[in-house]
Amino acid sequence: MAPIPTPSADPQDAPDSYVGLAAEAAEAQARERGWGTVRALPPGAIVTMEYRSGRLNFEVSDGTVTRCWKG
């Protein structure tokens, strides 16, 4: 049986630093800082609860990031 790969570490970044930024600028900044997946969601979106290493989630309202979390 093949070994289970170890996920890479998340970038050393503070998700709260994205709150208040324009969604496009926040996404570009996140990718520059090493996030492999950046996901923008509308407020109240239903999402699955699995944690995915390397993913950064934005809640975006009127083009501005209002909340940000890892996974």
Protein backbone atom coordinates (compact mmCIF):
# COMPACT_ATOMS: atom_id res chain seq x y z
CA MET A 1 0.00 0.00 0.00
CA ALA A 2 1.31 3.43 -0.91
CA PRO A 3 2.11 5.84 1.92
CA ILE A 4 -0.27 8.70 2.61
CA PRO A 5 1.41 11.94 1.51
CA THR A 6 2.05 14.60 4.12
CA PRO A 7 0.25 17.82 3.16
CA SER A 8 2.42 20.88 2.77
CA ALA A 9 2.29 23.52 5.48
CA ASP A 10 0.05 26.55 5.06
CA PRO A 11 1.84 29.83 4.34
CA GLN A 12 2.74 31.83 7.44
CA ASP A 13 0.05 34.44 6.93
CA ALA A 14 -2.64 36.10 9.07
CA PRO A 15 -6.11 35.62 7.52
CA ASP A 16 -7.41 38.73 9.31
CA SER A 17 -5.02 40.86 7.23
CA TYR A 18 -7.27 40.32 4.17
CA VAL A 19 -10.45 41.68 5.77
CA GLY A 20 -11.35 45.04 4.24
CA LEU A 21 -9.41 44.49 0.99
CA ALA A 22 -11.03 44.42 -2.43
CA ALA A 23 -11.65 40.78 -3.37
CA GLU A 24 -9.42 40.85 -6.47
CA ALA A 25 -6.53 42.47 -4.59
CA ALA A 26 -6.91 40.03 -1.70
CA GLU A 27 -6.82 37.05 -4.06
CA ALA A 28 -3.71 38.33 -5.82
CA GLN A 29 -2.00 38.97 -2.49
CA ALA A 30 -2.91 35.49 -1.19
CA ARG A 31 -1.47 33.81 -4.29
CA GLU A 32 1.73 35.88 -3.98
CA ARG A 33 2.05 34.69 -0.38
CA GLY A 34 1.84 31.05 -1.43
CA TRP A 35 -1.80 29.98 -1.05
CA GLY A 36 -2.50 27.25 -3.60
CA THR A 37 -6.27 27.62 -3.57
CA VAL A 38 -8.17 30.84 -2.93
CA ARG A 39 -11.95 30.65 -2.72
CA ALA A 40 -14.33 33.63 -2.66
CA LEU A 41 -17.79 32.96 -1.25
CA PRO A 42 -20.91 35.09 -0.79
CA PRO A 43 -22.13 35.73 2.78
CA GLY A 44 -23.96 32.76 4.24
CA ALA A 45 -22.77 30.31 1.56
CA ILE A 46 -23.13 26.67 2.46
CA VAL A 47 -19.72 24.97 2.37
CA THR A 48 -18.42 21.56 3.35
CA MET A 49 -16.55 21.28 6.63
CA GLU A 50 -13.44 19.44 5.42
CA TYR A 51 -10.14 21.16 6.04
CA ARG A 52 -7.91 21.50 2.98
CA SER A 53 -4.33 22.47 3.59
CA GLY A 54 -3.20 25.34 1.38
CA ARG A 55 -6.70 26.80 0.87
CA LEU A 56 -7.74 30.29 1.93
CA ASN A 57 -11.43 31.20 2.01
CA PHE A 58 -12.84 34.71 1.64
CA GLU A 59 -16.37 35.79 2.40
CA VAL A 60 -17.00 38.63 -0.04
CA SER A 61 -19.78 41.21 0.17
CA ASP A 62 -20.06 44.08 -2.35
CA GLY A 63 -16.58 43.28 -3.69
CA THR A 64 -14.88 43.51 -0.28
CA VAL A 65 -13.53 40.72 1.91
CA THR A 66 -15.57 40.68 5.13
CA ARG A 67 -14.21 37.43 6.60
CA CYS A 68 -11.24 35.16 5.92
CA TRP A 69 -10.25 31.69 7.19
CA LYS A 70 -7.89 28.84 6.38
CA GLY A 71 -8.94 25.48 5.04
